Amino acid sequence: METQQQAPEAAAKDRGHEIHFTVDGEPYETLERELTPNEILRKYAGKDPATHYLVQIQGEHRISYQGKGDEPIKMHNGMRFQVISTGPTPVSAPAP
């Protein structure tokens, strides 16, 4: 019976653990254990998933979430993300 009483306490402690991560170099924190790329784009980067996607940076390795915006990401401390725009790149007009 003791195990049953300890399990909810352990679960509550887990939910209270802040996870620190960055998006485009800006620090953020969450209590969520999983977030989708689209949630990160909307809530933390303030970007529209229709015109942006998320890339996770792991050293030299990159994980693209393009086309996978609703797939959950298990969040861990120190994760780094970059926002990529899928829209056209503005070009400056030539000088007259």
PDB file of N, CA and C in Angstrom:
ATOM      1  N   MET A   1       0.812  -1.199   0.000  1.00  0.00           N
ATOM      2  CA  MET A   1       0.000   0.000   0.000  1.00  0.00           C
ATOM      3  C   MET A   1       0.851   1.257   0.000  1.00  0.00           C
ATOM      4  N   GLU A   2       2.017   1.176   0.634  1.00  0.00           N
ATOM      5  CA  GLU A   2       2.890   2.338   0.666  1.00  0.00           C
ATOM      6  C   GLU A   2       3.268   2.800  -0.735  1.00  0.00           C
ATOM      7  N   THR A   3       3.525   1.857  -1.628  1.00  0.00           N
ATOM      8  CA  THR A   3       3.910   2.191  -2.989  1.00  0.00           C
ATOM      9  C   THR A   3       2.814   2.992  -3.679  1.00  0.00           C
ATOM     10  N   GLN A   4       1.550   2.613  -3.458  1.00  0.00           N
ATOM     11  CA  GLN A   4       0.450   3.344  -4.075  1.00  0.00           C
ATOM     12  C   GLN A   4       0.382   4.774  -3.564  1.00  0.00           C
ATOM     13  N   GLN A   5       0.696   4.986  -2.288  1.00  0.00           N
ATOM     14  CA  GLN A   5       0.663   6.331  -1.736  1.00  0.00           C
ATOM     15  C   GLN A   5       1.837   7.165  -2.245  1.00  0.00           C
ATOM     16  N   GLN A   6       2.980   6.544  -2.469  1.00  0.00           N
ATOM     17  CA  GLN A   6       4.152   7.281  -2.920  1.00  0.00           C
ATOM     18  C   GLN A   6       4.077   7.627  -4.400  1.00  0.00           C
ATOM     19  N   ALA A   7       3.433   6.790  -5.192  1.00  0.00           N
ATOM     20  CA  ALA A   7       3.383   7.014  -6.632  1.00  0.00           C
ATOM     21  C   ALA A   7       2.766   8.370  -7.003  1.00  0.00           C
ATOM     22  N   PRO A   8       1.593   8.748  -6.444  1.00  0.00           N
ATOM     23  CA  PRO A   8       1.048  10.065  -6.804  1.00  0.00           C
ATOM     24  C   PRO A   8       1.960  11.212  -6.382  1.00  0.00           C
ATOM     25  N   GLU A   9       2.632  11.068  -5.248  1.00  0.00           N
ATOM     26  CA  GLU A   9       3.555  12.114  -4.802  1.00  0.00           C
ATOM     27  C   GLU A   9       4.718  12.240  -5.779  1.00  0.00           C
ATOM     28  N   ALA A  10       5.247  11.110  -6.212  1.00  0.00           N
ATOM     29  CA  ALA A  10       6.360  11.131  -7.169  1.00  0.00           C
ATOM     30  C   ALA A  10       5.906  11.742  -8.490  1.00  0.00           C
ATOM     31  N   ALA A  11       4.695  11.398  -8.920  1.00  0.00           N
ATOM     32  CA  ALA A  11       4.165  11.949 -10.162  1.00  0.00           C
ATOM     33  C   ALA A  11       3.984  13.463 -10.040  1.00  0.00           C
ATOM     34  N   ALA A  12       3.494  13.919  -8.911  1.00  0.00           N
ATOM     35  CA  ALA A  12       3.309  15.356  -8.701  1.00  0.00           C
ATOM     36  C   ALA A  12       4.650  16.070  -8.712  1.00  0.00           C
ATOM     37  N   LYS A  13       5.660  15.453  -8.123  1.00  0.00           N
ATOM     38  CA  LYS A  13       6.996  16.061  -8.110  1.00  0.00           C
ATOM     39  C   LYS A  13       7.540  16.157  -9.527  1.00  0.00           C
ATOM     40  N   ASP A  14       7.331  15.112 -10.343  1.00  0.00           N
ATOM     41  CA  ASP A  14       7.776  15.106 -11.732  1.00  0.00           C
ATOM     42  C   ASP A  14       7.122  16.237 -12.524  1.00  0.00           C
ATOM     43  N   ARG A  15       5.829  16.439 -12.336  1.00  0.00           N
ATOM     44  CA  ARG A  15       5.121  17.480 -13.078  1.00  0.00           C
ATOM     45  C   ARG A  15       5.628  18.867 -12.719  1.00  0.00           C
ATOM     46  N   GLY A  16       6.186  19.039 -11.539  1.00  0.00           N
ATOM     47  CA  GLY A  16       6.643  20.341 -11.108  1.00  0.00           C
ATOM     48  C   GLY A  16       8.050  20.693 -11.551  1.00  0.00           C
ATOM     49  N   HIS A  17       8.733  19.782 -12.226  1.00  0.00           N
ATOM     50  CA  HIS A  17      10.121  20.006 -12.640  1.00  0.00           C
ATOM     51  C   HIS A  17      10.177  20.888 -13.886  1.00  0.00           C
ATOM     52  N   GLU A  18      10.839  22.024 -13.785  1.00  0.00           N
ATOM     53  CA  GLU A  18      10.957  22.927 -14.923  1.00  0.00           C
ATOM     54  C   GLU A  18      11.983  22.394 -15.911  1.00  0.00           C
ATOM     55  N   ILE A  19      11.637  22.469 -17.177  1.00  0.00           N
ATOM     56  CA  ILE A  19      12.541  22.081 -18.249  1.00  0.00           C
ATOM     57  C   ILE A  19      12.960  23.360 -18.952  1.00  0.00           C
ATOM     58  N   HIS A  20      14.262  23.582 -19.041  1.00  0.00           N
ATOM     59  CA  HIS A  20      14.804  24.782 -19.672  1.00  0.00           C
ATOM     60  C   HIS A  20      15.268  24.438 -21.082  1.00  0.00           C
ATOM     61  N   PHE A  21      14.894  25.280 -22.057  1.00  0.00           N
ATOM     62  CA  PHE A  21      15.268  25.056 -23.448  1.00  0.00           C
ATOM     63  C   PHE A  21      15.374  26.413 -24.140  1.00  0.00           C
ATOM     64  N   THR A  22      15.916  26.423 -25.349  1.00  0.00           N
ATOM     65  CA  THR A  22      16.023  27.675 -26.091  1.00  0.00           C
ATOM     66  C   THR A  22      15.367  27.532 -27.462  1.00  0.00           C
ATOM     67  N   VAL A  23      14.828  28.647 -27.945  1.00  0.00           N
ATOM     68  CA  VAL A  23      14.291  28.754 -29.300  1.00  0.00           C
ATOM     69  C   VAL A  23      14.942  29.983 -29.910  1.00  0.00           C
ATOM     70  N   ASP A  24      15.693  29.777 -30.987  1.00  0.00           N
ATOM     71  CA  ASP A  24      16.448  30.865 -31.631  1.00  0.00           C
ATOM     72  C   ASP A  24      17.332  31.606 -30.621  1.00  0.00           C
ATOM     73  N   GLY A  25      17.901  30.856 -29.681  1.00  0.00           N
ATOM     74  CA  GLY A  25      18.818  31.423 -28.701  1.00  0.00           C
ATOM     75  C   GLY A  25      18.160  32.075 -27.502  1.00  0.00           C
ATOM     76  N   GLU A  26      16.834  32.184 -27.522  1.00  0.00           N
ATOM     77  CA  GLU A  26      16.110  32.797 -26.402  1.00  0.00           C
ATOM     78  C   GLU A  26      15.733  31.715 -25.390  1.00  0.00           C
ATOM     79  N   PRO A  27      16.007  31.939 -24.097  1.00  0.00           N
ATOM     80  CA  PRO A  27      15.710  30.923 -23.078  1.00  0.00           C
ATOM     81  C   PRO A  27      14.227  30.882 -22.709  1.00  0.00           C
ATOM     82  N   TYR A  28      13.725  29.664 -22.546  1.00  0.00           N
ATOM     83  CA  TYR A  28      12.344  29.435 -22.119  1.00  0.00           C
ATOM     84  C   TYR A  28      12.329  28.286 -21.122  1.00  0.00           C
ATOM     85  N   GLU A  29      11.197  28.133 -20.445  1.00  0.00           N
ATOM     86  CA  GLU A  29      11.023  26.998 -19.539  1.00  0.00           C
ATOM     87  C   GLU A  29       9.582  26.525 -19.610  1.00  0.00           C
ATOM     88  N   THR A  30       9.407  25.242 -19.320  1.00  0.00           N
ATOM     89  CA  THR A  30       8.072  24.647 -19.325  1.00  0.00           C
ATOM     90  C   THR A  30       7.990  23.572 -18.264  1.00  0.00           C
ATOM     91  N   LEU A  31       6.783  23.283 -17.833  1.00  0.00           N
ATOM     92  CA  LEU A  31       6.527  22.153 -16.942  1.00  0.00           C
ATOM     93  C   LEU A  31       6.020  20.952 -17.741  1.00  0.00           C
ATOM     94  N   GLU A  32       5.758  21.166 -19.033  1.00  0.00           N
ATOM     95  CA  GLU A  32       5.246  20.106 -19.901  1.00  0.00           C
ATOM     96  C   GLU A  32       6.350  19.103 -20.213  1.00  0.00           C
ATOM     97  N   ARG A  33       6.018  17.814 -20.160  1.00  0.00           N
ATOM     98  CA  ARG A  33       6.982  16.749 -20.469  1.00  0.00           C
ATOM     99  C   ARG A  33       7.078  16.528 -21.973  1.00  0.00           C
ATOM    100  N   GLU A  34       6.006  16.887 -22.691  1.00  0.00           N
ATOM    101  CA  GLU A  34       5.978  16.768 -24.148  1.00  0.00           C
ATOM    102  C   GLU A  34       5.340  18.015 -24.739  1.00  0.00           C
ATOM    103  N   LEU A  35       5.909  18.480 -25.829  1.00  0.00           N
ATOM    104  CA  LEU A  35       5.341  19.586 -26.598  1.00  0.00           C
ATOM    105  C   LEU A  35       5.457  19.211 -28.072  1.00  0.00           C
ATOM    106  N   THR A  36       4.522  19.670 -28.884  1.00  0.00           N
ATOM    107  CA  THR A  36       4.657  19.450 -30.314  1.00  0.00           C
ATOM    108  C   THR A  36       5.455  20.617 -30.910  1.00  0.00           C
ATOM    109  N   PRO A  37       6.063  20.412 -32.074  1.00  0.00           N
ATOM    110  CA  PRO A  37       6.752  21.533 -32.725  1.00  0.00           C
ATOM    111  C   PRO A  37       5.830  22.730 -32.939  1.00  0.00           C
ATOM    112  N   ASN A  38       4.564  22.465 -33.310  1.00  0.00           N
ATOM    113  CA  ASN A  38       3.626  23.573 -33.519  1.00  0.00           C
ATOM    114  C   ASN A  38       3.344  24.340 -32.229  1.00  0.00           C
ATOM    115  N   GLU A  39       3.271  23.636 -31.087  1.00  0.00           N
ATOM    116  CA  GLU A  39       3.075  24.318 -29.800  1.00  0.00           C
ATOM    117  C   GLU A  39       4.275  25.208 -29.484  1.00  0.00           C
ATOM    118  N   ILE A  40       5.474  24.706 -29.736  1.00  0.00           N
ATOM    119  CA  ILE A  40       6.682  25.500 -29.481  1.00  0.00           C
ATOM    120  C   ILE A  40       6.699  26.724 -30.380  1.00  0.00           C
ATOM    121  N   LEU A  41       6.353  26.543 -31.654  1.00  0.00           N
ATOM    122  CA  LEU A  41       6.314  27.682 -32.582  1.00  0.00           C
ATOM    123  C   LEU A  41       5.329  28.743 -32.107  1.00  0.00           C
ATOM    124  N   ARG A  42       4.122  28.331 -31.733  1.00  0.00           N
ATOM    125  CA  ARG A  42       3.084  29.295 -31.334  1.00  0.00           C
ATOM    126  C   ARG A  42       3.367  29.925 -29.976  1.00  0.00           C
ATOM    127  N   LYS A  43       3.573  29.073 -28.948  1.00  0.00           N
ATOM    128  CA  LYS A  43       3.665  29.555 -27.560  1.00  0.00           C
ATOM    129  C   LYS A  43       4.963  30.278 -27.239  1.00  0.00           C
ATOM    130  N   TYR A  44       6.063  29.809 -27.811  1.00  0.00           N
ATOM    131  CA  TYR A  44       7.363  30.344 -27.403  1.00  0.00           C
ATOM    132  C   TYR A  44       8.003  31.233 -28.463  1.00  0.00           C
ATOM    133  N   ALA A  45       7.891  30.867 -29.728  1.00  0.00           N
ATOM    134  CA  ALA A  45       8.511  31.670 -30.780  1.00  0.00           C
ATOM    135  C   ALA A  45       7.557  32.717 -31.343  1.00  0.00           C
ATOM    136  N   GLY A  46       6.247  32.561 -31.084  1.00  0.00           N
ATOM    137  CA  GLY A  46       5.277  33.517 -31.615  1.00  0.00           C
ATOM    138  C   GLY A  46       5.184  33.458 -33.131  1.00  0.00           C
ATOM    139  N   LYS A  47       5.401  32.288 -33.711  1.00  0.00           N
ATOM    140  CA  LYS A  47       5.385  32.127 -35.172  1.00  0.00           C
ATOM    141  C   LYS A  47       4.214  31.260 -35.601  1.00  0.00           C
ATOM    142  N   ASP A  48       3.834  31.404 -36.854  1.00  0.00           N
ATOM    143  CA  ASP A  48       2.735  30.651 -37.438  1.00  0.00           C
ATOM    144  C   ASP A  48       3.277  29.349 -38.046  1.00  0.00           C
ATOM    145  N   PRO A  49       2.802  28.192 -37.579  1.00  0.00           N
ATOM    146  CA  PRO A  49       3.264  26.918 -38.138  1.00  0.00           C
ATOM    147  C   PRO A  49       2.961  26.751 -39.629  1.00  0.00           C
ATOM    148  N   ALA A  50       2.045  27.548 -40.168  1.00  0.00           N
ATOM    149  CA  ALA A  50       1.748  27.463 -41.599  1.00  0.00           C
ATOM    150  C   ALA A  50       2.902  28.018 -42.439  1.00  0.00           C
ATOM    151  N   THR A  51       3.718  28.890 -41.832  1.00  0.00           N
ATOM    152  CA  THR A  51       4.817  29.515 -42.579  1.00  0.00           C
ATOM    153  C   THR A  51       6.186  29.270 -41.947  1.00  0.00           C
ATOM    154  N   HIS A  52       6.231  28.422 -40.913  1.00  0.00           N
ATOM    155  CA  HIS A  52       7.489  28.137 -40.216  1.00  0.00           C
ATOM    156  C   HIS A  52       7.517  26.677 -39.769  1.00  0.00           C
ATOM    157  N   TYR A  53       8.720  26.152 -39.586  1.00  0.00           N
ATOM    158  CA  TYR A  53       8.860  24.837 -38.964  1.00  0.00           C
ATOM    159  C   TYR A  53      10.035  24.873 -37.997  1.00  0.00           C
ATOM    160  N   LEU A  54      10.135  23.834 -37.190  1.00  0.00           N
ATOM    161  CA  LEU A  54      11.118  23.785 -36.113  1.00  0.00           C
ATOM    162  C   LEU A  54      12.231  22.794 -36.452  1.00  0.00           C
ATOM    163  N   VAL A  55      13.444  23.148 -36.050  1.00  0.00           N
ATOM    164  CA  VAL A  55      14.592  22.252 -36.160  1.00  0.00           C
ATOM    165  C   VAL A  55      15.222  22.153 -34.778  1.00  0.00           C
ATOM    166  N   GLN A  56      15.518  20.933 -34.339  1.00  0.00           N
ATOM    167  CA  GLN A  56      16.225  20.736 -33.066  1.00  0.00           C
ATOM    168  C   GLN A  56      17.708  20.630 -33.366  1.00  0.00           C
ATOM    169  N   ILE A  57      18.513  21.314 -32.570  1.00  0.00           N
ATOM    170  CA  ILE A  57      19.963  21.321 -32.757  1.00  0.00           C
ATOM    171  C   ILE A  57      20.594  20.468 -31.669  1.00  0.00           C
ATOM    172  N   GLN A  58      21.349  19.447 -32.092  1.00  0.00           N
ATOM    173  CA  GLN A  58      22.085  18.573 -31.164  1.00  0.00           C
ATOM    174  C   GLN A  58      23.534  18.543 -31.616  1.00  0.00           C
ATOM    175  N   GLY A  59      24.329  19.484 -31.124  1.00  0.00           N
ATOM    176  CA  GLY A  59      25.719  19.582 -31.573  1.00  0.00           C
ATOM    177  C   GLY A  59      25.756  19.893 -33.054  1.00  0.00           C
ATOM    178  N   GLU A  60      26.388  19.023 -33.850  1.00  0.00           N
ATOM    179  CA  GLU A  60      26.441  19.208 -35.296  1.00  0.00           C
ATOM    180  C   GLU A  60      25.230  18.590 -35.997  1.00  0.00           C
ATOM    181  N   HIS A  61      24.430  17.844 -35.264  1.00  0.00           N
ATOM    182  CA  HIS A  61      23.284  17.134 -35.821  1.00  0.00           C
ATOM    183  C   HIS A  61      22.034  17.999 -35.749  1.00  0.00           C
ATOM    184  N   ARG A  62      21.207  17.957 -36.792  1.00  0.00           N
ATOM    185  CA  ARG A  62      19.948  18.709 -36.838  1.00  0.00           C
ATOM    186  C   ARG A  62      18.798  17.735 -37.058  1.00  0.00           C
ATOM    187  N   ILE A  63      17.695  17.940 -36.331  1.00  0.00           N
ATOM    188  CA  ILE A  63      16.489  17.145 -36.517  1.00  0.00           C
ATOM    189  C   ILE A  63      15.399  18.091 -36.994  1.00  0.00           C
ATOM    190  N   SER A  64      14.938  17.889 -38.223  1.00  0.00           N
ATOM    191  CA  SER A  64      13.897  18.744 -38.787  1.00  0.00           C
ATOM    192  C   SER A  64      12.519  18.190 -38.436  1.00  0.00           C
ATOM    193  N   TYR A  65      11.628  19.094 -38.041  1.00  0.00           N
ATOM    194  CA  TYR A  65      10.245  18.728 -37.765  1.00  0.00           C
ATOM    195  C   TYR A  65       9.330  19.263 -38.858  1.00  0.00           C
ATOM    196  N   GLN A  66       9.887  19.544 -40.035  1.00  0.00           N
ATOM    197  CA  GLN A  66       9.076  20.008 -41.153  1.00  0.00           C
ATOM    198  C   GLN A  66       8.107  18.893 -41.548  1.00  0.00           C
ATOM    199  N   GLY A  67       6.819  19.224 -41.600  1.00  0.00           N
ATOM    200  CA  GLY A  67       5.798  18.242 -41.918  1.00  0.00           C
ATOM    201  C   GLY A  67       5.439  17.330 -40.747  1.00  0.00           C
ATOM    202  N   LYS A  68       6.022  17.588 -39.563  1.00  0.00           N
ATOM    203  CA  LYS A  68       5.779  16.768 -38.375  1.00  0.00           C
ATOM    204  C   LYS A  68       5.350  17.632 -37.195  1.00  0.00           C
ATOM    205  N   GLY A  69       4.610  18.691 -37.479  1.00  0.00           N
ATOM    206  CA  GLY A  69       4.270  19.679 -36.464  1.00  0.00           C
ATOM    207  C   GLY A  69       3.419  19.205 -35.307  1.00  0.00           C
ATOM    208  N   ASP A  70       2.701  18.085 -35.493  1.00  0.00           N
ATOM    209  CA  ASP A  70       1.835  17.594 -34.422  1.00  0.00           C
ATOM    210  C   ASP A  70       2.407  16.380 -33.703  1.00  0.00           C
ATOM    211  N   GLU A  71       3.644  15.978 -34.040  1.00  0.00           N
ATOM    212  CA  GLU A  71       4.272  14.835 -33.373  1.00  0.00           C
ATOM    213  C   GLU A  71       4.915  15.305 -32.065  1.00  0.00           C
ATOM    214  N   PRO A  72       4.577  14.682 -30.930  1.00  0.00           N
ATOM    215  CA  PRO A  72       5.128  15.131 -29.647  1.00  0.00           C
ATOM    216  C   PRO A  72       6.644  14.960 -29.554  1.00  0.00           C
ATOM    217  N   ILE A  73       7.271  15.933 -28.914  1.00  0.00           N
ATOM    218  CA  ILE A  73       8.708  15.885 -28.620  1.00  0.00           C
ATOM    219  C   ILE A  73       8.835  15.693 -27.117  1.00  0.00           C
ATOM    220  N   LYS A  74       9.581  14.695 -26.677  1.00  0.00           N
ATOM    221  CA  LYS A  74       9.856  14.519 -25.246  1.00  0.00           C
ATOM    222  C   LYS A  74      10.871  15.590 -24.851  1.00  0.00           C
ATOM    223  N   MET A  75      10.453  16.464 -23.969  1.00  0.00           N
ATOM    224  CA  MET A  75      11.273  17.612 -23.601  1.00  0.00           C
ATOM    225  C   MET A  75      12.294  17.239 -22.526  1.00  0.00           C
ATOM    226  N   HIS A  76      13.513  17.759 -22.696  1.00  0.00           N
ATOM    227  CA  HIS A  76      14.607  17.557 -21.748  1.00  0.00           C
ATOM    228  C   HIS A  76      15.319  18.880 -21.540  1.00  0.00           C
ATOM    229  N   ASN A  77      15.928  19.047 -20.381  1.00  0.00           N
ATOM    230  CA  ASN A  77      16.714  20.244 -20.102  1.00  0.00           C
ATOM    231  C   ASN A  77      17.785  20.443 -21.159  1.00  0.00           C
ATOM    232  N   GLY A  78      17.969  21.685 -21.566  1.00  0.00           N
ATOM    233  CA  GLY A  78      19.063  22.041 -22.460  1.00  0.00           C
ATOM    234  C   GLY A  78      18.779  21.854 -23.939  1.00  0.00           C
ATOM    235  N   MET A  79      17.549  21.492 -24.291  1.00  0.00           N
ATOM    236  CA  MET A  79      17.239  21.327 -25.717  1.00  0.00           C
ATOM    237  C   MET A  79      17.337  22.679 -26.416  1.00  0.00           C
ATOM    238  N   ARG A  80      17.782  22.631 -27.693  1.00  0.00           N
ATOM    239  CA  ARG A  80      17.919  23.858 -28.481  1.00  0.00           C
ATOM    240  C   ARG A  80      17.143  23.698 -29.782  1.00  0.00           C
ATOM    241  N   PHE A  81      16.358  24.724 -30.108  1.00  0.00           N
ATOM    242  CA  PHE A  81      15.554  24.705 -31.315  1.00  0.00           C
ATOM    243  C   PHE A  81      15.804  25.966 -32.133  1.00  0.00           C
ATOM    244  N   GLN A  82      15.613  25.825 -33.438  1.00  0.00           N
ATOM    245  CA  GLN A  82      15.708  26.964 -34.344  1.00  0.00           C
ATOM    246  C   GLN A  82      14.450  26.986 -35.200  1.00  0.00           C
ATOM    247  N   VAL A  83      13.934  28.181 -35.446  1.00  0.00           N
ATOM    248  CA  VAL A  83      12.747  28.353 -36.271  1.00  0.00           C
ATOM    249  C   VAL A  83      13.190  28.647 -37.702  1.00  0.00           C
ATOM    250  N   ILE A  84      12.601  27.921 -38.656  1.00  0.00           N
ATOM    251  CA  ILE A  84      12.911  28.109 -40.068  1.00  0.00           C
ATOM    252  C   ILE A  84      11.655  28.600 -40.776  1.00  0.00           C
ATOM    253  N   SER A  85      11.797  29.661 -41.572  1.00  0.00           N
ATOM    254  CA  SER A  85      10.678  30.206 -42.335  1.00  0.00           C
ATOM    255  C   SER A  85      10.568  29.466 -43.668  1.00  0.00           C
ATOM    256  N   THR A  86       9.330  29.155 -44.049  1.00  0.00           N
ATOM    257  CA  THR A  86       9.110  28.515 -45.345  1.00  0.00           C
ATOM    258  C   THR A  86       8.634  29.523 -46.377  1.00  0.00           C
ATOM    259  N   GLY A  87       8.478  30.766 -45.949  1.00  0.00           N
ATOM    260  CA  GLY A  87       7.995  31.813 -46.856  1.00  0.00           C
ATOM    261  C   GLY A  87       9.112  32.329 -47.742  1.00  0.00           C
ATOM    262  N   PRO A  88       8.762  33.169 -48.703  1.00  0.00           N
ATOM    263  CA  PRO A  88       9.779  33.729 -49.597  1.00  0.00           C
ATOM    264  C   PRO A  88      10.719  34.665 -48.838  1.00  0.00           C
ATOM    265  N   THR A  89      11.956  34.667 -49.247  1.00  0.00           N
ATOM    266  CA  THR A  89      12.944  35.563 -48.644  1.00  0.00           C
ATOM    267  C   THR A  89      12.856  36.906 -49.325  1.00  0.00           C
ATOM    268  N   PRO A  90      12.620  37.988 -48.566  1.00  0.00           N
ATOM    269  CA  PRO A  90      12.520  39.293 -49.197  1.00  0.00           C
ATOM    270  C   PRO A  90      13.867  39.716 -49.788  1.00  0.00           C
ATOM    271  N   VAL A  91      13.805  40.307 -50.945  1.00  0.00           N
ATOM    272  CA  VAL A  91      15.029  40.841 -51.561  1.00  0.00           C
ATOM    273  C   VAL A  91      14.865  42.329 -51.708  1.00  0.00           C
ATOM    274  N   SER A  92      15.950  43.035 -51.555  1.00  0.00           N
ATOM    275  CA  SER A  92      15.856  44.493 -51.669  1.00  0.00           C
ATOM    276  C   SER A  92      15.870  44.867 -53.157  1.00  0.00           C
ATOM    277  N   ALA A  93      15.148  45.918 -53.449  1.00  0.00           N
ATOM    278  CA  ALA A  93      15.076  46.405 -54.832  1.00  0.00           C
ATOM    279  C   ALA A  93      16.404  47.064 -55.200  1.00  0.00           C
ATOM    280  N   PRO A  94      16.803  46.950 -56.449  1.00  0.00           N
ATOM    281  CA  PRO A  94      18.049  47.601 -56.853  1.00  0.00           C
ATOM    282  C   PRO A  94      17.935  49.116 -56.744  1.00  0.00           C
ATOM    283  N   ALA A  95      19.031  49.730 -56.445  1.00  0.00           N
ATOM    284  CA  ALA A  95      19.055  51.181 -56.298  1.00  0.00           C
ATOM    285  C   ALA A  95      18.782  51.828 -57.659  1.00  0.00           C
ATOM    286  N   PRO A  96      18.020  52.940 -57.678  1.00  0.00           N
ATOM    287  CA  PRO A  96      17.704  53.613 -58.966  1.00  0.00           C
ATOM    288  C   PRO A  96      18.919  54.264 -59.564  1.00  0.00           C
TER     289      PRO A  96
END
